């Protein structure tokens, strides 16, 4: 079937099971609160650390569910869901105003060259990079540096999501200030009542790990060997979804914790499909069963992180070692 027919054919899969949406959202939230509680009240360091890591993974799952809610894939017009997910966006330093605006833009312009880098990693062609100033090159390479992703808690969320949105338009993104204030206040409360050690395991570790993983997941889903980019003239939505968004293959445990975000090519094809229906959608269409596959194996992570520049002539991403500097 052609591109338009494929999108239309996935429409039946956008029908949510309302009870399932509520159940999966609330059970994830209850598990998250329980693990946070354990990380705070249990005094054994190893258990605190374990709870902190599990909390990070549950935060990631809940974030993907929040992301689905903002796409109107689940619980649309539900008042309880609106309250809970609005608060969760603030908690995660990704308030609804900036998250939805930037993420919607990303979906509409995924892999489109020469557009604003809103909600996406910056992309330079080989020619642009070679003609850039030294400072421009450094800034670009830093945006794609593994250390930038490792520090995603600070670089992508505290600064990029909150501070930068406030600087760009305070009146439109005032909830970014609220997110920062609440985040600082929550950290102070935990330190004051439970001490620095508990804060480290129950607050810092979960946020640091979750947002680091989130920064990398967003990178690998659109920056991988075999990815395709096009200029506006040759860009097409369905092709961008299927050839510029990866299928990140995970084991069942990580697939659960990531709420099926690895089925990213399908999510970009139709963002109204609830996260729990993505696997069955893939099984239903042979056109969706041959995506570019990446994994969380070290060799695949390294291969993705090495990609820096787009070469229109070769129609592929290049590593810095493949670029000849004049």
C-alpha atoms as a PDB file:
ATOM      1  CA  UNK A   1       0.000   0.000   0.000  1.00  0.00           C
ATOM      2  CA  UNK A   2       1.152   3.574  -0.570  1.00  0.00           C
ATOM      3  CA  UNK A   3       2.201   5.957   2.192  1.00  0.00           C
ATOM      4  CA  UNK A   4      -1.181   7.587   2.745  1.00  0.00           C
ATOM      5  CA  UNK A   5      -2.964   4.234   2.769  1.00  0.00           C
ATOM      6  CA  UNK A   6      -0.521   2.900   5.363  1.00  0.00           C
ATOM      7  CA  UNK A   7      -1.234   5.757   7.768  1.00  0.00           C
ATOM      8  CA  UNK A   8      -4.985   5.339   7.289  1.00  0.00           C
ATOM      9  CA  UNK A   9      -4.678   1.581   7.810  1.00  0.00           C
ATOM     10  CA  UNK A  10      -3.167   2.151  11.270  1.00  0.00           C
ATOM     11  CA  UNK A  11      -6.130   4.260  12.374  1.00  0.00           C
ATOM     12  CA  UNK A  12      -8.041   1.360  14.026  1.00  0.00           C
ATOM     13  CA  UNK A  13      -5.027   0.858  16.309  1.00  0.00           C
ATOM     14  CA  UNK A  14      -5.437   4.382  17.694  1.00  0.00           C
ATOM     15  CA  UNK A  15      -8.511   3.241  19.607  1.00  0.00           C
ATOM     16  CA  UNK A  16      -7.480   3.032  23.234  1.00  0.00           C
ATOM     17  CA  UNK A  17      -8.745   0.720  25.922  1.00  0.00           C
ATOM     18  CA  UNK A  18      -9.669   3.415  28.444  1.00  0.00           C
ATOM     19  CA  UNK A  19      -9.541   1.052  31.408  1.00  0.00           C
ATOM     20  CA  UNK A  20      -6.113  -0.231  30.335  1.00  0.00           C
ATOM     21  CA  UNK A  21      -4.799   3.314  29.931  1.00  0.00           C
ATOM     22  CA  UNK A  22      -5.911   4.190  33.465  1.00  0.00           C
ATOM     23  CA  UNK A  23      -4.650   0.904  34.898  1.00  0.00           C
ATOM     24  CA  UNK A  24      -1.183   1.115  33.341  1.00  0.00           C
ATOM     25  CA  UNK A  25      -0.805   4.790  34.257  1.00  0.00           C
ATOM     26  CA  UNK A  26      -1.865   4.414  37.870  1.00  0.00           C
ATOM     27  CA  UNK A  27      -0.023   1.147  38.550  1.00  0.00           C
ATOM     28  CA  UNK A  28       3.180   2.709  37.207  1.00  0.00           C
ATOM     29  CA  UNK A  29       2.639   5.778  39.367  1.00  0.00           C
ATOM     30  CA  UNK A  30       1.924   3.674  42.468  1.00  0.00           C
ATOM     31  CA  UNK A  31       5.057   1.589  41.881  1.00  0.00           C
ATOM     32  CA  UNK A  32       7.100   4.758  41.433  1.00  0.00           C
ATOM     33  CA  UNK A  33       5.832   6.339  44.655  1.00  0.00           C
ATOM     34  CA  UNK A  34       6.435   3.059  46.531  1.00  0.00           C
ATOM     35  CA  UNK A  35      10.026   2.791  45.312  1.00  0.00           C
ATOM     36  CA  UNK A  36      10.711   6.436  46.170  1.00  0.00           C
ATOM     37  CA  UNK A  37       9.323   5.781  49.635  1.00  0.00           C
ATOM     38  CA  UNK A  38      11.586   2.760  50.034  1.00  0.00           C
ATOM     39  CA  UNK A  39      14.645   4.729  48.926  1.00  0.00           C
ATOM     40  CA  UNK A  40      13.846   7.331  51.593  1.00  0.00           C
ATOM     41  CA  UNK A  41      12.957   5.212  54.625  1.00  0.00           C
ATOM     42  CA  UNK A  42      15.254   2.175  54.256  1.00  0.00           C
ATOM     43  CA  UNK A  43      18.639   2.816  55.856  1.00  0.00           C
ATOM     44  CA  UNK A  44      20.719   0.202  54.018  1.00  0.00           C
ATOM     45  CA  UNK A  45      22.826   1.936  51.330  1.00  0.00           C
ATOM     46  CA  UNK A  46      22.773  -0.946  48.839  1.00  0.00           C
ATOM     47  CA  UNK A  47      18.975  -1.160  49.023  1.00  0.00           C
ATOM     48  CA  UNK A  48      18.697   2.624  48.697  1.00  0.00           C
ATOM     49  CA  UNK A  49      20.863   2.461  45.574  1.00  0.00           C
ATOM     50  CA  UNK A  50      18.784  -0.374  44.122  1.00  0.00           C
ATOM     51  CA  UNK A  51      15.581   1.541  44.844  1.00  0.00           C
ATOM     52  CA  UNK A  52      17.082   4.640  43.235  1.00  0.00           C
ATOM     53  CA  UNK A  53      17.925   2.777  40.011  1.00  0.00           C
ATOM     54  CA  UNK A  54      14.471   1.153  39.862  1.00  0.00           C
ATOM     55  CA  UNK A  55      12.917   4.577  40.484  1.00  0.00           C
ATOM     56  CA  UNK A  56      14.877   5.938  37.504  1.00  0.00           C
ATOM     57  CA  UNK A  57      13.484   3.216  35.236  1.00  0.00           C
ATOM     58  CA  UNK A  58       9.940   3.739  36.515  1.00  0.00           C
ATOM     59  CA  UNK A  59      10.319   7.492  35.961  1.00  0.00           C
ATOM     60  CA  UNK A  60      11.265   6.709  32.369  1.00  0.00           C
ATOM     61  CA  UNK A  61       8.188   4.507  31.900  1.00  0.00           C
ATOM     62  CA  UNK A  62       5.915   7.130  33.419  1.00  0.00           C
ATOM     63  CA  UNK A  63       7.497   9.795  31.213  1.00  0.00           C
ATOM     64  CA  UNK A  64       6.695   7.836  28.058  1.00  0.00           C
ATOM     65  CA  UNK A  65       3.113   7.444  29.294  1.00  0.00           C
ATOM     66  CA  UNK A  66       3.030  11.222  29.944  1.00  0.00           C
ATOM     67  CA  UNK A  67       4.391  11.689  26.425  1.00  0.00           C
ATOM     68  CA  UNK A  68       1.539   9.531  25.060  1.00  0.00           C
ATOM     69  CA  UNK A  69      -0.989  11.595  26.986  1.00  0.00           C
ATOM     70  CA  UNK A  70       0.386  14.806  25.437  1.00  0.00           C
ATOM     71  CA  UNK A  71      -0.039  13.213  21.998  1.00  0.00           C
ATOM     72  CA  UNK A  72      -3.712  12.606  22.914  1.00  0.00           C
ATOM     73  CA  UNK A  73      -3.056   8.897  22.384  1.00  0.00           C
ATOM     74  CA  UNK A  74      -4.437   8.034  25.823  1.00  0.00           C
ATOM     75  CA  UNK A  75      -6.887   9.514  28.325  1.00  0.00           C
ATOM     76  CA  UNK A  76      -7.784  12.507  26.158  1.00  0.00           C
ATOM     77  CA  UNK A  77     -10.018  14.992  28.007  1.00  0.00           C
ATOM     78  CA  UNK A  78      -9.730  13.031  31.257  1.00  0.00           C
ATOM     79  CA  UNK A  79      -9.675  15.502  34.158  1.00  0.00           C
ATOM     80  CA  UNK A  80      -7.796  13.188  36.592  1.00  0.00           C
ATOM     81  CA  UNK A  81      -5.238  12.416  33.886  1.00  0.00           C
ATOM     82  CA  UNK A  82      -4.768  16.110  33.109  1.00  0.00           C
ATOM     83  CA  UNK A  83      -4.042  16.869  36.766  1.00  0.00           C
ATOM     84  CA  UNK A  84      -1.671  13.951  37.253  1.00  0.00           C
ATOM     85  CA  UNK A  85       0.257  14.388  34.007  1.00  0.00           C
ATOM     86  CA  UNK A  86       0.527  18.157  34.371  1.00  0.00           C
ATOM     87  CA  UNK A  87       2.097  17.598  37.787  1.00  0.00           C
ATOM     88  CA  UNK A  88       4.311  14.838  36.425  1.00  0.00           C
ATOM     89  CA  UNK A  89       5.594  17.094  33.654  1.00  0.00           C
ATOM     90  CA  UNK A  90       6.570  19.661  36.293  1.00  0.00           C
ATOM     91  CA  UNK A  91       8.183  16.939  38.415  1.00  0.00           C
ATOM     92  CA  UNK A  92      10.232  15.710  35.440  1.00  0.00           C
ATOM     93  CA  UNK A  93      11.427  19.220  34.474  1.00  0.00           C
ATOM     94  CA  UNK A  94       9.493  18.881  31.209  1.00  0.00           C
ATOM     95  CA  UNK A  95       6.401  21.057  31.785  1.00  0.00           C
ATOM     96  CA  UNK A  96       3.554  20.678  29.336  1.00  0.00           C
ATOM     97  CA  UNK A  97       3.932  24.017  27.540  1.00  0.00           C
ATOM     98  CA  UNK A  98       7.508  23.513  26.338  1.00  0.00           C
ATOM     99  CA  UNK A  99       7.349  19.726  26.040  1.00  0.00           C
ATOM    100  CA  UNK A 100       4.267  19.634  23.818  1.00  0.00           C
ATOM    101  CA  UNK A 101       5.352  22.570  21.636  1.00  0.00           C
ATOM    102  CA  UNK A 102       8.853  21.231  21.013  1.00  0.00           C
ATOM    103  CA  UNK A 103       7.803  17.603  20.644  1.00  0.00           C
ATOM    104  CA  UNK A 104       4.957  18.360  18.235  1.00  0.00           C
ATOM    105  CA  UNK A 105       7.397  20.375  16.120  1.00  0.00           C
ATOM    106  CA  UNK A 106       9.800  17.436  16.151  1.00  0.00           C
ATOM    107  CA  UNK A 107       7.113  15.101  14.837  1.00  0.00           C
ATOM    108  CA  UNK A 108       6.151  17.468  12.035  1.00  0.00           C
ATOM    109  CA  UNK A 109       9.752  18.029  10.931  1.00  0.00           C
ATOM    110  CA  UNK A 110      11.537  14.783  11.837  1.00  0.00           C
ATOM    111  CA  UNK A 111      14.689  14.374   9.700  1.00  0.00           C
ATOM    112  CA  UNK A 112      13.923  17.503   7.683  1.00  0.00           C
ATOM    113  CA  UNK A 113      17.148  19.407   6.964  1.00  0.00           C
ATOM    114  CA  UNK A 114      17.599  23.145   7.264  1.00  0.00           C
ATOM    115  CA  UNK A 115      14.770  23.655   9.751  1.00  0.00           C
ATOM    116  CA  UNK A 116      14.923  24.896  13.334  1.00  0.00           C
ATOM    117  CA  UNK A 117      16.386  22.334  15.732  1.00  0.00           C
ATOM    118  CA  UNK A 118      13.365  22.471  18.026  1.00  0.00           C
ATOM    119  CA  UNK A 119      12.899  19.206  19.883  1.00  0.00           C
ATOM    120  CA  UNK A 120      15.716  17.525  17.936  1.00  0.00           C
ATOM    121  CA  UNK A 121      19.485  17.233  18.017  1.00  0.00           C
ATOM    122  CA  UNK A 122      21.151  19.823  15.757  1.00  0.00           C
ATOM    123  CA  UNK A 123      22.282  18.539  12.363  1.00  0.00           C
ATOM    124  CA  UNK A 124      25.032  19.928  10.162  1.00  0.00           C
ATOM    125  CA  UNK A 125      26.062  18.744   6.736  1.00  0.00           C
ATOM    126  CA  UNK A 126      29.708  18.064   6.059  1.00  0.00           C
ATOM    127  CA  UNK A 127      29.928  21.281   4.023  1.00  0.00           C
ATOM    128  CA  UNK A 128      28.272  23.389   6.732  1.00  0.00           C
ATOM    129  CA  UNK A 129      30.646  22.032   9.334  1.00  0.00           C
ATOM    130  CA  UNK A 130      33.764  22.663   7.252  1.00  0.00           C
ATOM    131  CA  UNK A 131      32.622  26.248   6.593  1.00  0.00           C
ATOM    132  CA  UNK A 132      31.706  26.917  10.231  1.00  0.00           C
ATOM    133  CA  UNK A 133      33.818  28.880  12.674  1.00  0.00           C
ATOM    134  CA  UNK A 134      35.792  27.097  15.370  1.00  0.00           C
ATOM    135  CA  UNK A 135      33.309  28.125  18.053  1.00  0.00           C
ATOM    136  CA  UNK A 136      30.367  26.953  15.932  1.00  0.00           C
ATOM    137  CA  UNK A 137      32.047  23.592  15.414  1.00  0.00           C
ATOM    138  CA  UNK A 138      32.703  23.181  19.135  1.00  0.00           C
ATOM    139  CA  UNK A 139      29.125  24.072  20.057  1.00  0.00           C
ATOM    140  CA  UNK A 140      27.761  21.619  17.491  1.00  0.00           C
ATOM    141  CA  UNK A 141      30.031  18.760  18.553  1.00  0.00           C
ATOM    142  CA  UNK A 142      29.173  19.394  22.207  1.00  0.00           C
ATOM    143  CA  UNK A 143      25.463  19.078  21.406  1.00  0.00           C
ATOM    144  CA  UNK A 144      26.143  15.541  20.151  1.00  0.00           C
ATOM    145  CA  UNK A 145      28.817  14.638  22.695  1.00  0.00           C
ATOM    146  CA  UNK A 146      28.224  11.593  24.958  1.00  0.00           C
ATOM    147  CA  UNK A 147      29.091  13.748  27.985  1.00  0.00           C
ATOM    148  CA  UNK A 148      26.238  16.092  27.079  1.00  0.00           C
ATOM    149  CA  UNK A 149      23.859  13.139  27.185  1.00  0.00           C
ATOM    150  CA  UNK A 150      25.426  11.774  30.361  1.00  0.00           C
ATOM    151  CA  UNK A 151      24.679  15.132  31.990  1.00  0.00           C
ATOM    152  CA  UNK A 152      21.207  15.295  30.448  1.00  0.00           C
ATOM    153  CA  UNK A 153      19.683  16.053  33.869  1.00  0.00           C
ATOM    154  CA  UNK A 154      21.454  19.432  33.774  1.00  0.00           C
ATOM    155  CA  UNK A 155      21.994  20.125  30.072  1.00  0.00           C
ATOM    156  CA  UNK A 156      18.769  18.919  28.456  1.00  0.00           C
ATOM    157  CA  UNK A 157      16.231  19.345  31.218  1.00  0.00           C
ATOM    158  CA  UNK A 158      17.264  21.965  33.788  1.00  0.00           C
ATOM    159  CA  UNK A 159      18.871  24.205  31.181  1.00  0.00           C
ATOM    160  CA  UNK A 160      17.388  23.218  27.818  1.00  0.00           C
ATOM    161  CA  UNK A 161      13.829  22.433  28.798  1.00  0.00           C
ATOM    162  CA  UNK A 162      13.351  24.953  31.621  1.00  0.00           C
ATOM    163  CA  UNK A 163      15.876  27.819  31.655  1.00  0.00           C
ATOM    164  CA  UNK A 164      16.096  28.172  27.880  1.00  0.00           C
ATOM    165  CA  UNK A 165      12.310  28.157  27.460  1.00  0.00           C
ATOM    166  CA  UNK A 166      11.996  30.880  30.103  1.00  0.00           C
ATOM    167  CA  UNK A 167      14.575  32.993  28.297  1.00  0.00           C
ATOM    168  CA  UNK A 168      12.827  32.539  24.956  1.00  0.00           C
ATOM    169  CA  UNK A 169       9.283  33.367  26.113  1.00  0.00           C
ATOM    170  CA  UNK A 170       8.522  33.768  29.806  1.00  0.00           C
ATOM    171  CA  UNK A 171       4.795  34.431  29.398  1.00  0.00           C
ATOM    172  CA  UNK A 172       4.291  31.284  27.302  1.00  0.00           C
ATOM    173  CA  UNK A 173       6.496  29.037  29.413  1.00  0.00           C
ATOM    174  CA  UNK A 174       5.990  30.313  32.952  1.00  0.00           C
ATOM    175  CA  UNK A 175       5.405  26.712  34.055  1.00  0.00           C
ATOM    176  CA  UNK A 176       9.113  26.100  33.432  1.00  0.00           C
ATOM    177  CA  UNK A 177       9.837  28.442  36.335  1.00  0.00           C
ATOM    178  CA  UNK A 178       7.296  26.562  38.424  1.00  0.00           C
ATOM    179  CA  UNK A 179       9.027  23.284  37.560  1.00  0.00           C
ATOM    180  CA  UNK A 180      12.403  24.656  38.660  1.00  0.00           C
ATOM    181  CA  UNK A 181      11.026  26.097  41.900  1.00  0.00           C
ATOM    182  CA  UNK A 182       9.220  22.860  42.775  1.00  0.00           C
ATOM    183  CA  UNK A 183      12.304  20.799  41.916  1.00  0.00           C
ATOM    184  CA  UNK A 184      14.582  22.880  44.136  1.00  0.00           C
ATOM    185  CA  UNK A 185      11.997  22.900  46.933  1.00  0.00           C
ATOM    186  CA  UNK A 186      11.589  19.120  46.789  1.00  0.00           C
ATOM    187  CA  UNK A 187      15.340  18.610  46.966  1.00  0.00           C
ATOM    188  CA  UNK A 188      15.612  20.958  49.952  1.00  0.00           C
ATOM    189  CA  UNK A 189      12.789  19.183  51.774  1.00  0.00           C
ATOM    190  CA  UNK A 190      14.405  15.769  51.306  1.00  0.00           C
ATOM    191  CA  UNK A 191      17.820  17.016  52.451  1.00  0.00           C
ATOM    192  CA  UNK A 192      16.355  18.844  55.458  1.00  0.00           C
ATOM    193  CA  UNK A 193      14.257  15.925  56.710  1.00  0.00           C
ATOM    194  CA  UNK A 194      16.311  12.898  55.619  1.00  0.00           C
ATOM    195  CA  UNK A 195      19.879  14.087  55.021  1.00  0.00           C
ATOM    196  CA  UNK A 196      22.252  14.343  52.071  1.00  0.00           C
ATOM    197  CA  UNK A 197      22.809  10.582  51.787  1.00  0.00           C
ATOM    198  CA  UNK A 198      19.100   9.865  51.345  1.00  0.00           C
ATOM    199  CA  UNK A 199      18.786  12.785  48.916  1.00  0.00           C
ATOM    200  CA  UNK A 200      21.606  11.311  46.828  1.00  0.00           C
ATOM    201  CA  UNK A 201      19.963   7.882  46.526  1.00  0.00           C
ATOM    202  CA  UNK A 202      16.306   8.953  46.433  1.00  0.00           C
ATOM    203  CA  UNK A 203      16.535  12.120  44.323  1.00  0.00           C
ATOM    204  CA  UNK A 204      19.832  12.629  42.539  1.00  0.00           C
ATOM    205  CA  UNK A 205      20.395   9.043  41.360  1.00  0.00           C
ATOM    206  CA  UNK A 206      16.864   8.591  39.918  1.00  0.00           C
ATOM    207  CA  UNK A 207      16.857  11.927  38.080  1.00  0.00           C
ATOM    208  CA  UNK A 208      20.435  11.602  36.868  1.00  0.00           C
ATOM    209  CA  UNK A 209      19.991   8.078  35.486  1.00  0.00           C
ATOM    210  CA  UNK A 210      16.502   8.583  34.053  1.00  0.00           C
ATOM    211  CA  UNK A 211      17.295  11.809  32.224  1.00  0.00           C
ATOM    212  CA  UNK A 212      20.638  10.468  30.997  1.00  0.00           C
ATOM    213  CA  UNK A 213      18.858   7.463  29.469  1.00  0.00           C
ATOM    214  CA  UNK A 214      16.163   9.747  28.081  1.00  0.00           C
ATOM    215  CA  UNK A 215      18.734  11.978  26.376  1.00  0.00           C
ATOM    216  CA  UNK A 216      20.379   8.980  24.738  1.00  0.00           C
ATOM    217  CA  UNK A 217      17.130   7.286  23.729  1.00  0.00           C
ATOM    218  CA  UNK A 218      16.015  10.418  21.937  1.00  0.00           C
ATOM    219  CA  UNK A 219      19.388  10.541  20.171  1.00  0.00           C
ATOM    220  CA  UNK A 220      19.521   6.898  19.060  1.00  0.00           C
ATOM    221  CA  UNK A 221      15.973   6.988  17.725  1.00  0.00           C
ATOM    222  CA  UNK A 222      16.971   9.501  15.050  1.00  0.00           C
ATOM    223  CA  UNK A 223      20.768   9.179  14.768  1.00  0.00           C
ATOM    224  CA  UNK A 224      21.802   5.690  13.759  1.00  0.00           C
ATOM    225  CA  UNK A 225      23.650   3.929  10.917  1.00  0.00           C
ATOM    226  CA  UNK A 226      21.287   3.930   7.950  1.00  0.00           C
ATOM    227  CA  UNK A 227      19.256   6.977   8.982  1.00  0.00           C
ATOM    228  CA  UNK A 228      18.024   9.234   6.163  1.00  0.00           C
ATOM    229  CA  UNK A 229      17.663  13.018   6.077  1.00  0.00           C
ATOM    230  CA  UNK A 230      16.080  15.091   3.315  1.00  0.00           C
ATOM    231  CA  UNK A 231      15.666  18.732   2.416  1.00  0.00           C
ATOM    232  CA  UNK A 232      12.180  20.247   2.414  1.00  0.00           C
ATOM    233  CA  UNK A 233      11.662  19.592  -1.276  1.00  0.00           C
ATOM    234  CA  UNK A 234      12.250  15.838  -0.996  1.00  0.00           C
ATOM    235  CA  UNK A 235      10.916  15.286   2.527  1.00  0.00           C
ATOM    236  CA  UNK A 236       7.846  13.086   2.983  1.00  0.00           C
ATOM    237  CA  UNK A 237       6.176  12.316   6.320  1.00  0.00           C
ATOM    238  CA  UNK A 238       5.786   8.537   6.053  1.00  0.00           C
ATOM    239  CA  UNK A 239       9.250   8.014   4.654  1.00  0.00           C
ATOM    240  CA  UNK A 240      10.661  10.139   7.487  1.00  0.00           C
ATOM    241  CA  UNK A 241       8.828   7.993  10.030  1.00  0.00           C
ATOM    242  CA  UNK A 242       9.966   4.658   8.618  1.00  0.00           C
ATOM    243  CA  UNK A 243      13.498   5.505   7.464  1.00  0.00           C
ATOM    244  CA  UNK A 244      14.514   8.222   9.907  1.00  0.00           C
ATOM    245  CA  UNK A 245      13.200   6.654  13.109  1.00  0.00           C
ATOM    246  CA  UNK A 246      14.711   3.465  14.447  1.00  0.00           C
ATOM    247  CA  UNK A 247      13.291   0.319  15.937  1.00  0.00           C
ATOM    248  CA  UNK A 248      15.253   0.100  19.169  1.00  0.00           C
ATOM    249  CA  UNK A 249      15.128  -3.590  19.975  1.00  0.00           C
ATOM    250  CA  UNK A 250      15.197  -4.292  23.721  1.00  0.00           C
ATOM    251  CA  UNK A 251      14.698  -7.238  26.032  1.00  0.00           C
ATOM    252  CA  UNK A 252      11.257  -7.557  27.585  1.00  0.00           C
ATOM    253  CA  UNK A 253      12.272  -5.906  30.863  1.00  0.00           C
ATOM    254  CA  UNK A 254      13.607  -2.761  29.199  1.00  0.00           C
ATOM    255  CA  UNK A 255      10.729  -2.787  26.731  1.00  0.00           C
ATOM    256  CA  UNK A 256       8.348  -2.619  29.710  1.00  0.00           C
ATOM    257  CA  UNK A 257      10.311   0.079  31.525  1.00  0.00           C
ATOM    258  CA  UNK A 258      10.503   2.142  28.323  1.00  0.00           C
ATOM    259  CA  UNK A 259       6.776   1.648  27.594  1.00  0.00           C
ATOM    260  CA  UNK A 260       7.501   0.408  24.042  1.00  0.00           C
ATOM    261  CA  UNK A 261       9.217   3.641  22.979  1.00  0.00           C
ATOM    262  CA  UNK A 262      11.595   1.464  20.950  1.00  0.00           C
ATOM    263  CA  UNK A 263       8.818   0.988  18.354  1.00  0.00           C
ATOM    264  CA  UNK A 264       9.653   4.506  17.337  1.00  0.00           C
ATOM    265  CA  UNK A 265       9.120   4.183  13.610  1.00  0.00           C
ATOM    266  CA  UNK A 266       5.504   3.217  14.269  1.00  0.00           C
ATOM    267  CA  UNK A 267       5.054   5.974  16.825  1.00  0.00           C
ATOM    268  CA  UNK A 268       6.234   8.525  14.245  1.00  0.00           C
ATOM    269  CA  UNK A 269       3.980   7.053  11.600  1.00  0.00           C
ATOM    270  CA  UNK A 270       0.941   7.564  13.835  1.00  0.00           C
ATOM    271  CA  UNK A 271       1.500   9.191  17.217  1.00  0.00           C
ATOM    272  CA  UNK A 272      -2.117   8.555  18.252  1.00  0.00           C
ATOM    273  CA  UNK A 273      -1.436   4.828  18.724  1.00  0.00           C
ATOM    274  CA  UNK A 274      -1.266   4.102  22.482  1.00  0.00           C
ATOM    275  CA  UNK A 275       2.087   2.759  23.640  1.00  0.00           C
ATOM    276  CA  UNK A 276       0.606  -0.619  24.576  1.00  0.00           C
ATOM    277  CA  UNK A 277      -0.732  -1.133  21.026  1.00  0.00           C
ATOM    278  CA  UNK A 278       2.531  -0.464  19.171  1.00  0.00           C
ATOM    279  CA  UNK A 279       3.729  -4.119  19.135  1.00  0.00           C
ATOM    280  CA  UNK A 280       0.428  -5.399  17.707  1.00  0.00           C
ATOM    281  CA  UNK A 281       0.485  -2.633  15.096  1.00  0.00           C
ATOM    282  CA  UNK A 282       3.907  -3.775  13.958  1.00  0.00           C
ATOM    283  CA  UNK A 283       2.692  -7.366  13.720  1.00  0.00           C
ATOM    284  CA  UNK A 284      -0.282  -6.313  11.601  1.00  0.00           C
ATOM    285  CA  UNK A 285       1.644  -4.696   8.727  1.00  0.00           C
ATOM    286  CA  UNK A 286       4.531  -6.177   6.770  1.00  0.00           C
ATOM    287  CA  UNK A 287       5.519  -2.612   5.786  1.00  0.00           C
ATOM    288  CA  UNK A 288       6.428  -1.970   9.447  1.00  0.00           C
ATOM    289  CA  UNK A 289       8.411  -5.158   9.977  1.00  0.00           C
ATOM    290  CA  UNK A 290      11.627  -4.212   8.215  1.00  0.00           C
ATOM    291  CA  UNK A 291      12.846  -1.085  10.029  1.00  0.00           C
ATOM    292  CA  UNK A 292      16.415  -0.091  10.749  1.00  0.00           C
ATOM    293  CA  UNK A 293      17.234  -1.878  13.992  1.00  0.00           C
ATOM    294  CA  UNK A 294      19.449  -0.649  16.792  1.00  0.00           C
ATOM    295  CA  UNK A 295      20.004  -2.102  20.252  1.00  0.00           C
ATOM    296  CA  UNK A 296      21.379  -1.085  23.624  1.00  0.00           C
ATOM    297  CA  UNK A 297      24.472  -3.226  23.093  1.00  0.00           C
ATOM    298  CA  UNK A 298      27.752  -1.368  23.580  1.00  0.00           C
ATOM    299  CA  UNK A 299      28.836  -1.780  19.952  1.00  0.00           C
ATOM    300  CA  UNK A 300      25.567  -0.278  18.693  1.00  0.00           C
ATOM    301  CA  UNK A 301      25.688   2.589  21.191  1.00  0.00           C
ATOM    302  CA  UNK A 302      29.254   3.424  20.113  1.00  0.00           C
ATOM    303  CA  UNK A 303      28.307   3.217  16.424  1.00  0.00           C
ATOM    304  CA  UNK A 304      25.440   5.681  16.963  1.00  0.00           C
ATOM    305  CA  UNK A 305      27.469   8.115  19.054  1.00  0.00           C
ATOM    306  CA  UNK A 306      30.236   8.280  16.438  1.00  0.00           C
ATOM    307  CA  UNK A 307      27.850   9.725  13.831  1.00  0.00           C
ATOM    308  CA  UNK A 308      28.302  13.486  13.577  1.00  0.00           C
ATOM    309  CA  UNK A 309      27.635  14.939  10.105  1.00  0.00           C
ATOM    310  CA  UNK A 310      25.283  14.368   7.190  1.00  0.00           C
ATOM    311  CA  UNK A 311      26.775  13.946   3.742  1.00  0.00           C
ATOM    312  CA  UNK A 312      24.115  14.580   1.045  1.00  0.00           C
ATOM    313  CA  UNK A 313      26.431  13.215  -1.660  1.00  0.00           C
ATOM    314  CA  UNK A 314      26.850   9.834   0.027  1.00  0.00           C
ATOM    315  CA  UNK A 315      23.345  10.006   1.545  1.00  0.00           C
ATOM    316  CA  UNK A 316      24.590   8.910   4.976  1.00  0.00           C
ATOM    317  CA  UNK A 317      25.925  10.119   8.304  1.00  0.00           C
ATOM    318  CA  UNK A 318      29.677  10.447   8.732  1.00  0.00           C
ATOM    319  CA  UNK A 319      32.027  10.120  11.664  1.00  0.00           C
ATOM    320  CA  UNK A 320      34.576  12.864  12.271  1.00  0.00           C
ATOM    321  CA  UNK A 321      37.323  10.493  11.120  1.00  0.00           C
ATOM    322  CA  UNK A 322      35.658  10.329   7.707  1.00  0.00           C
ATOM    323  CA  UNK A 323      35.740  14.091   7.266  1.00  0.00           C
ATOM    324  CA  UNK A 324      38.801  15.557   5.593  1.00  0.00           C
ATOM    325  CA  UNK A 325      39.611  18.942   7.077  1.00  0.00           C
ATOM    326  CA  UNK A 326      41.160  21.492   4.750  1.00  0.00           C
END
